[in-house]
Protein backbone atom coordinates (compact mmCIF):
# COMPACT_ATOMS: atom_id res chain seq x y z
CA VAL A 1 -114.43 -278.80 55.63
CA SER A 2 -110.86 -278.00 54.55
CA THR A 3 -109.49 -274.48 54.59
CA GLN A 4 -109.10 -274.59 50.79
CA SER A 5 -112.77 -275.47 50.30
CA THR A 6 -113.84 -272.69 52.67
CA GLY A 7 -111.81 -270.16 50.67
CA LYS A 8 -113.45 -271.19 47.41
CA ILE A 9 -116.92 -270.83 48.93
CA MET A 10 -116.10 -267.35 50.29
CA SER A 11 -114.73 -266.29 46.91
CA LEU A 12 -117.94 -267.40 45.16
CA LEU A 13 -120.06 -265.56 47.72
CA GLU A 14 -118.03 -262.37 47.27
CA LYS A 15 -118.47 -262.54 43.47
CA GLN A 16 -122.21 -263.13 43.84
CA PHE A 17 -122.50 -260.23 46.28
CA LEU A 18 -120.54 -257.96 43.93
CA ASN A 19 -122.77 -258.92 40.99
CA ASP A 20 -125.91 -258.30 43.03
CA TYR A 21 -124.57 -254.97 44.22
CA LEU A 22 -123.67 -253.82 40.69
CA LYS A 23 -127.12 -254.89 39.44
CA PHE A 24 -128.76 -252.98 42.29
CA GLU A 25 -126.73 -249.84 41.47
CA GLU A 26 -127.75 -250.08 37.80
CA GLU A 27 -131.43 -250.41 38.65
CA ASN A 28 -131.17 -247.60 41.21
CA LYS A 29 -129.52 -245.39 38.61
CA ALA A 30 -132.35 -246.06 36.15
CA PHE A 31 -134.88 -245.24 38.88
CA LYS A 32 -133.07 -241.99 39.65
CA ASN A 33 -133.03 -241.09 35.94
CA TRP A 34 -136.77 -241.85 35.63
CA ARG A 35 -137.49 -239.77 38.70
CA CYS A 36 -135.46 -236.87 37.33
CA LEU A 37 -137.27 -237.15 33.99
CA THR A 38 -140.65 -237.04 35.74
CA VAL A 39 -139.68 -233.94 37.70
CA TYR A 40 -138.40 -232.33 34.49
CA ARG A 41 -141.67 -233.06 32.72
CA GLN A 42 -143.67 -231.57 35.58
CA LYS A 43 -141.55 -228.42 35.50
CA ALA A 44 -141.89 -228.19 31.70
CA ILE A 45 -145.68 -228.50 31.95
CA LEU A 46 -145.80 -225.83 34.66
CA LEU A 47 -143.62 -223.52 32.56
CA ALA A 48 -145.83 -224.08 29.50
CA LYS A 49 -148.95 -223.25 31.53
CA ARG A 50 -147.34 -220.04 32.75
CA LYS A 51 -146.40 -219.05 29.18
CA LEU A 52 -149.94 -219.82 27.97
CA ARG A 53 -151.42 -217.78 30.81
CA ARG A 54 -149.19 -214.83 29.90
CA LYS A 55 -150.24 -215.11 26.24
CA LEU A 56 -153.92 -215.22 27.18
CA LEU A 57 -153.51 -212.17 29.39
CA ALA A 58 -151.73 -210.40 26.55
CA ILE A 59 -154.56 -211.24 24.13
CA ILE A 60 -157.16 -210.03 26.63
CA GLY A 61 -155.15 -206.85 27.09
CA VAL A 62 -154.99 -206.23 23.35
CA LEU A 63 -158.73 -206.88 22.92
CA SER A 64 -159.47 -204.57 25.85
CA ALA A 65 -157.30 -201.86 24.32
CA ILE A 66 -159.13 -202.23 21.00
CA PHE A 67 -162.49 -202.02 22.73
CA VAL A 68 -161.46 -198.93 24.72
CA ALA A 69 -160.14 -197.29 21.55
CA TYR A 70 -163.37 -198.10 19.72
CA TRP A 71 -165.46 -196.76 22.58
CA ALA A 72 -163.34 -193.62 22.89
CA TYR A 73 -163.84 -193.00 19.18
CA GLU A 74 -167.58 -193.60 19.27
CA VAL A 75 -168.45 -191.89 22.54
CA ASN A 76 -167.39 -188.61 24.08
CA LEU A 77 -166.23 -189.58 27.59
CA LEU A 78 -167.08 -186.26 29.22
CA ASP A 79 -170.56 -186.21 27.74
CA SER A 80 -171.09 -189.80 28.90
CA LEU A 81 -170.13 -188.90 32.44
CA GLN A 82 -172.41 -185.87 32.46
CA LYS A 83 -175.45 -187.19 30.60
CA ASP A 84 -175.54 -190.96 30.64
CA ASP A 85 -176.39 -193.41 33.36
CA CYS A 86 -173.98 -195.93 31.78
CA LEU A 87 -170.29 -195.15 31.48
CA VAL A 88 -169.68 -197.94 28.93
CA HIS A 89 -172.07 -199.14 26.24
CA TYR A 90 -170.99 -202.56 25.03
CA PRO A 91 -170.97 -203.22 21.27
CA GLU A 92 -174.03 -205.03 19.95
CA PRO A 93 -172.16 -208.24 18.98
CA LEU A 94 -170.80 -208.55 22.53
CA ILE A 95 -174.28 -208.12 23.99
CA ASP A 96 -175.65 -210.74 21.60
CA LEU A 97 -172.85 -213.13 22.59
CA PHE A 98 -173.80 -213.13 26.28
CA ARG A 99 -177.58 -212.96 25.92
CA PRO A 100 -179.77 -215.61 27.61
CA SER A 101 -180.63 -218.70 25.57
CA VAL A 102 -184.04 -218.80 23.87
CA GLY A 103 -184.70 -222.24 25.37
CA ASP A 104 -187.02 -224.45 23.32
CA CYS A 105 -186.20 -224.18 19.59
CA GLY A 106 -189.51 -225.57 18.36
CA TYR A 107 -190.76 -222.12 17.29
CA CYS A 108 -188.20 -221.80 14.48
CA LYS A 109 -189.22 -224.92 12.54
CA ILE A 110 -191.06 -223.05 9.79
CA GLU A 111 -191.19 -223.63 6.04
CA PHE A 112 -192.87 -220.34 5.06
CA ILE A 113 -194.13 -217.09 6.60
CA HIS A 114 -197.86 -216.87 7.17
CA SER A 115 -199.65 -213.99 5.45
CA ARG A 116 -203.11 -212.96 6.62
CA THR A 117 -205.85 -210.44 5.85
CA ASN A 118 -208.93 -209.62 7.97
CA LEU A 119 -207.31 -211.29 10.97
CA SER A 120 -209.45 -211.31 14.09
CA ASP A 121 -207.85 -210.49 17.41
CA THR A 122 -209.05 -213.83 18.81
CA GLU A 123 -207.34 -215.80 16.06
CA PHE A 124 -204.21 -213.68 16.35
CA TYR A 125 -203.85 -214.37 20.08
CA ASP A 126 -204.74 -218.05 19.70
CA LYS A 127 -202.31 -218.82 16.86
CA TYR A 128 -199.63 -216.18 16.58
CA ALA A 129 -199.25 -213.68 19.40
CA TYR A 130 -196.74 -215.58 21.57
CA SER A 131 -195.86 -218.52 19.31
CA GLY A 132 -192.66 -217.02 17.91
CA LEU A 133 -194.03 -217.49 14.36
CA PRO A 134 -193.39 -214.52 12.05
CA LEU A 135 -196.59 -213.14 10.57
CA LEU A 136 -197.36 -210.68 7.77
CA VAL A 137 -200.73 -208.90 7.98
CA THR A 138 -201.29 -207.26 4.60
CA ASP A 139 -204.05 -204.87 5.76
CA GLY A 140 -202.59 -204.15 9.20
CA MET A 141 -202.61 -200.35 8.82
CA ARG A 142 -206.35 -200.18 8.39
CA ASP A 143 -207.79 -196.65 9.03
CA TRP A 144 -204.37 -195.07 9.55
CA GLU A 145 -203.79 -191.48 8.35
CA THR A 146 -200.01 -191.31 7.97
CA GLY A 147 -199.77 -189.95 4.42
CA GLN A 148 -198.18 -186.70 5.64
CA PHE A 149 -195.46 -188.46 7.65
CA ASN A 150 -192.03 -187.41 6.39
CA LEU A 151 -188.91 -185.73 7.76
CA ASN A 152 -190.41 -182.23 7.50
CA PHE A 153 -193.47 -183.37 9.47
CA PHE A 154 -191.28 -184.81 12.22
CA ARG A 155 -189.12 -181.69 12.23
CA GLU A 156 -192.20 -179.54 12.89
CA ILE A 157 -193.64 -181.59 15.74
CA TYR A 158 -190.22 -181.76 17.43
CA ALA A 159 -189.70 -177.98 17.12
CA ASN A 160 -190.37 -177.30 20.82
CA VAL A 161 -188.52 -180.33 22.16
CA THR A 162 -185.24 -179.70 23.99
CA LEU A 163 -182.01 -181.66 23.67
CA ASP A 164 -182.36 -182.81 27.28
CA GLN A 165 -185.75 -184.31 26.43
CA LEU A 166 -184.28 -186.09 23.41
CA ASP A 167 -181.50 -187.53 25.54
CA GLU A 168 -184.14 -189.55 27.40
CA CYS A 169 -185.11 -191.31 24.16
CA GLN A 170 -183.17 -194.01 22.35
CA PHE A 171 -181.54 -193.13 19.06
CA PHE A 172 -180.01 -195.58 16.57
CA ARG A 173 -177.62 -193.88 14.19
CA TYR A 174 -176.47 -197.13 12.56
CA LYS A 175 -173.76 -196.31 9.98
CA THR A 176 -174.33 -192.55 9.99
CA SER A 177 -172.46 -189.85 11.93
CA PHE A 178 -175.63 -188.38 13.44
CA GLU A 179 -175.45 -188.02 17.22
CA ASN A 180 -179.15 -187.37 17.79
CA LEU A 181 -182.40 -186.59 16.02
CA PHE A 182 -181.61 -182.87 15.77
CA ASP A 183 -178.55 -183.73 13.67
CA VAL A 184 -180.90 -185.57 11.31
CA PHE A 185 -183.26 -182.58 11.12
CA ASN A 186 -180.36 -180.21 10.39
CA MET A 187 -178.79 -182.14 7.50
CA PRO A 188 -178.78 -180.44 4.07
CA GLU A 189 -182.15 -180.53 2.36
CA GLU A 190 -180.77 -182.42 -0.64
CA ARG A 191 -179.60 -185.26 1.56
CA ALA A 192 -182.74 -185.14 3.72
CA THR A 193 -184.89 -185.65 0.62
CA PHE A 194 -182.67 -188.48 -0.72
CA GLN A 195 -181.52 -186.65 -3.84
CA PRO A 196 -179.28 -188.64 -6.24
CA GLY A 197 -175.59 -188.26 -5.46
CA THR A 198 -176.11 -187.48 -1.76
CA GLN A 199 -174.87 -189.74 1.03
CA PRO A 200 -177.47 -192.39 1.97
CA TRP A 201 -178.60 -192.77 5.57
CA TYR A 202 -180.78 -194.90 7.82
CA ILE A 203 -181.70 -194.14 11.46
CA GLY A 204 -184.23 -195.06 14.14
CA TRP A 205 -185.55 -193.45 17.30
CA SER A 206 -188.21 -193.82 20.00
CA ASN A 207 -190.83 -191.10 20.41
CA CYS A 208 -190.65 -191.07 24.22
CA VAL A 209 -191.49 -187.35 24.43
CA SER A 210 -195.12 -187.35 25.54
CA SER A 211 -196.11 -184.18 23.65
CA VAL A 212 -194.78 -185.66 20.40
CA SER A 213 -196.37 -189.03 21.09
CA ARG A 214 -199.80 -187.42 21.54
CA VAL A 215 -199.54 -185.71 18.14
CA LEU A 216 -198.33 -188.80 16.33
CA ARG A 217 -200.99 -191.08 17.78
CA GLN A 218 -203.71 -188.81 16.45
CA HIS A 219 -202.81 -190.24 13.03
CA TYR A 220 -202.47 -193.95 13.83
CA THR A 221 -203.29 -196.53 16.46
CA VAL A 222 -202.20 -200.09 17.16
CA PRO A 223 -202.97 -202.52 14.33
CA TYR A 224 -206.61 -203.54 14.46
CA PHE A 225 -205.87 -207.16 15.44
CA LEU A 226 -203.99 -205.94 18.55
CA GLU A 227 -206.83 -203.98 20.12
CA GLN A 228 -206.88 -206.28 23.16
CA SER A 229 -203.23 -205.61 23.97
CA GLU A 230 -201.78 -203.11 26.40
CA ARG A 231 -200.17 -200.27 24.49
CA THR A 232 -196.53 -199.61 25.39
CA ARG A 233 -195.41 -196.09 26.20
CA ASP A 234 -193.00 -195.64 23.29
CA ASP A 235 -193.35 -196.23 19.58
CA TRP A 236 -190.44 -196.47 17.18
CA MET A 237 -189.70 -194.69 13.91
CA PHE A 238 -187.24 -195.97 11.29
CA ILE A 239 -186.46 -193.97 8.17
CA GLY A 240 -183.83 -194.41 5.49
CA SER A 241 -182.63 -194.11 1.92
CA PRO A 242 -183.90 -196.38 -0.86
CA GLY A 243 -181.52 -199.13 -1.93
CA TYR A 244 -179.57 -198.88 1.33
CA LYS A 245 -178.84 -201.27 4.18
CA GLY A 246 -180.97 -200.78 7.25
CA ALA A 247 -180.38 -202.45 10.60
CA PRO A 248 -177.46 -204.92 10.67
CA LEU A 249 -177.97 -208.50 11.84
CA HIS A 250 -178.84 -208.51 15.55
CA ILE A 251 -181.25 -209.89 18.13
CA ASP A 252 -183.22 -207.70 20.53
CA GLN A 253 -183.53 -207.80 24.28
CA VAL A 254 -186.84 -206.03 24.79
CA SER A 255 -189.74 -206.74 27.08
CA TYR A 256 -192.33 -208.01 24.60
CA ASN A 257 -192.98 -209.13 21.03
CA SER A 258 -192.92 -206.50 18.29
CA TRP A 259 -194.85 -205.24 15.29
CA GLN A 260 -193.57 -203.02 12.48
CA ALA A 261 -195.84 -201.12 10.08
CA GLN A 262 -194.47 -200.15 6.65
CA VAL A 263 -195.74 -196.60 6.02
CA ARG A 264 -193.59 -195.82 2.96
CA GLY A 265 -191.25 -197.74 0.71
CA ARG A 266 -190.44 -201.44 0.65
CA LYS A 267 -188.22 -203.17 3.16
CA LYS A 268 -186.66 -206.62 3.02
CA TRP A 269 -186.32 -208.53 6.27
CA VAL A 270 -183.87 -211.41 6.69
CA PHE A 271 -184.09 -213.45 9.88
CA SER A 272 -182.67 -216.66 11.27
CA ALA A 273 -182.68 -218.70 14.47
CA PRO A 274 -180.00 -218.03 17.11
CA PRO A 275 -176.89 -220.27 17.17
CA GLU A 276 -178.26 -222.56 19.88
CA CYS A 277 -181.06 -223.55 17.46
CA TRP A 278 -179.03 -224.00 14.28
CA TYR A 279 -179.05 -227.79 14.58
CA GLU A 280 -182.87 -227.69 14.34
CA CYS A 281 -183.34 -224.60 12.17
CA PRO A 282 -180.30 -224.07 9.93
CA THR A 283 -182.14 -222.11 7.23
CA SER A 284 -182.61 -218.34 7.19
CA HIS A 285 -185.80 -216.71 5.87
CA SER A 286 -186.64 -213.45 4.15
CA ILE A 287 -189.74 -211.42 3.38
CA VAL A 288 -190.49 -208.14 1.61
CA VAL A 289 -192.84 -205.85 3.53
CA GLU A 290 -194.90 -203.51 1.33
CA PRO A 291 -196.60 -200.21 2.23
CA GLY A 292 -199.69 -200.91 4.33
CA ASN A 293 -198.30 -204.21 5.66
CA VAL A 294 -197.62 -204.97 9.31
CA PHE A 295 -194.92 -207.51 10.14
CA VAL A 296 -195.22 -209.23 13.53
CA PHE A 297 -192.43 -211.30 15.04
CA ASP A 298 -190.56 -212.02 18.26
CA SER A 299 -187.38 -209.98 17.89
CA ASN A 300 -186.03 -211.55 21.10
CA ARG A 301 -185.91 -215.00 19.48
CA TRP A 302 -184.93 -214.22 15.88
CA PHE A 303 -181.73 -212.66 14.61
CA HIS A 304 -182.82 -210.15 11.98
CA SER A 305 -181.57 -207.50 9.58
CA THR A 306 -183.28 -205.10 7.19
CA GLU A 307 -182.62 -203.54 3.81
CA VAL A 308 -184.53 -200.74 2.10
CA LEU A 309 -185.31 -201.77 -1.46
CA PRO A 310 -184.88 -199.40 -4.44
CA GLY A 311 -187.72 -197.00 -5.18
CA GLU A 312 -189.23 -194.82 -2.46
CA TYR A 313 -187.49 -194.13 0.85
CA SER A 314 -188.59 -196.30 3.79
CA LEU A 315 -190.59 -195.10 6.78
CA THR A 316 -191.62 -197.64 9.42
CA ILE A 317 -193.53 -197.33 12.69
CA GLY A 318 -193.06 -200.05 15.29
CA ALA A 319 -193.84 -200.93 18.89
CA GLU A 320 -194.11 -203.81 21.33
CA TYR A 321 -197.33 -205.50 22.42
CA ASP A 322 -198.24 -207.33 25.60
């Protein structure tokens, strides 16, 4: 091979090598740019997560501050430390939010509320007692002697009870400013007797003072169809103004099912299934309970609220049954 031919071959090889090298550099540059872009994206995602975390912590901090402010307004801290086993009482909606699920939703598939008279205890326990079905017993207060029950009557039988004894009992003030039952007893007489133009009120309490319970139970017993059941220690009293809201929508967390006897006035109950059962039971229900009626339902499985209807003030006695 001549020297001239060899030179041409070498020149072609050099050009090919240079082209390959430049192509390699271009591809390598694109790879480096892609790698840099990937790293940038990862850093951007990490930064966004950190910002989101800070925002969430800020929201939690604000909500905590609101809760503390609400609690500080509602509860005297020093009294809580001295008198109460619990330092913080969570608001009802928060308790309802984290309650256990009711499980099987079959109980809420109802089209109407059963109403019965002359109900035997055997039939009650076979069909209704633990079924979750709401039941109205129109003659449930048979042989009761509660005609004298009013605020003055309660004031008299609580005359020898101390504040320390009352502190052992539950008290629901609802939308009032009453701190305990003595505040209710000491309100002006015009308001206590629901005179027109006075501020309406609705409260509830448990009669856990044994001396008071003995006096009250001389006038009434458990509804006649519940005679087989174990009687719980405490009964409940609810009293409030006519034409006024009673208990707001809530669900209970008590040990057993409940009954409520309407001694005076008329009360409307509205109840619905809990959120986990809405897909099966989307409809709410309502019923008006008249004087002499007993309303039986599982307050642990139904959200419920009450309203006192216009006319006479409402007085209700309630308890749980086993």
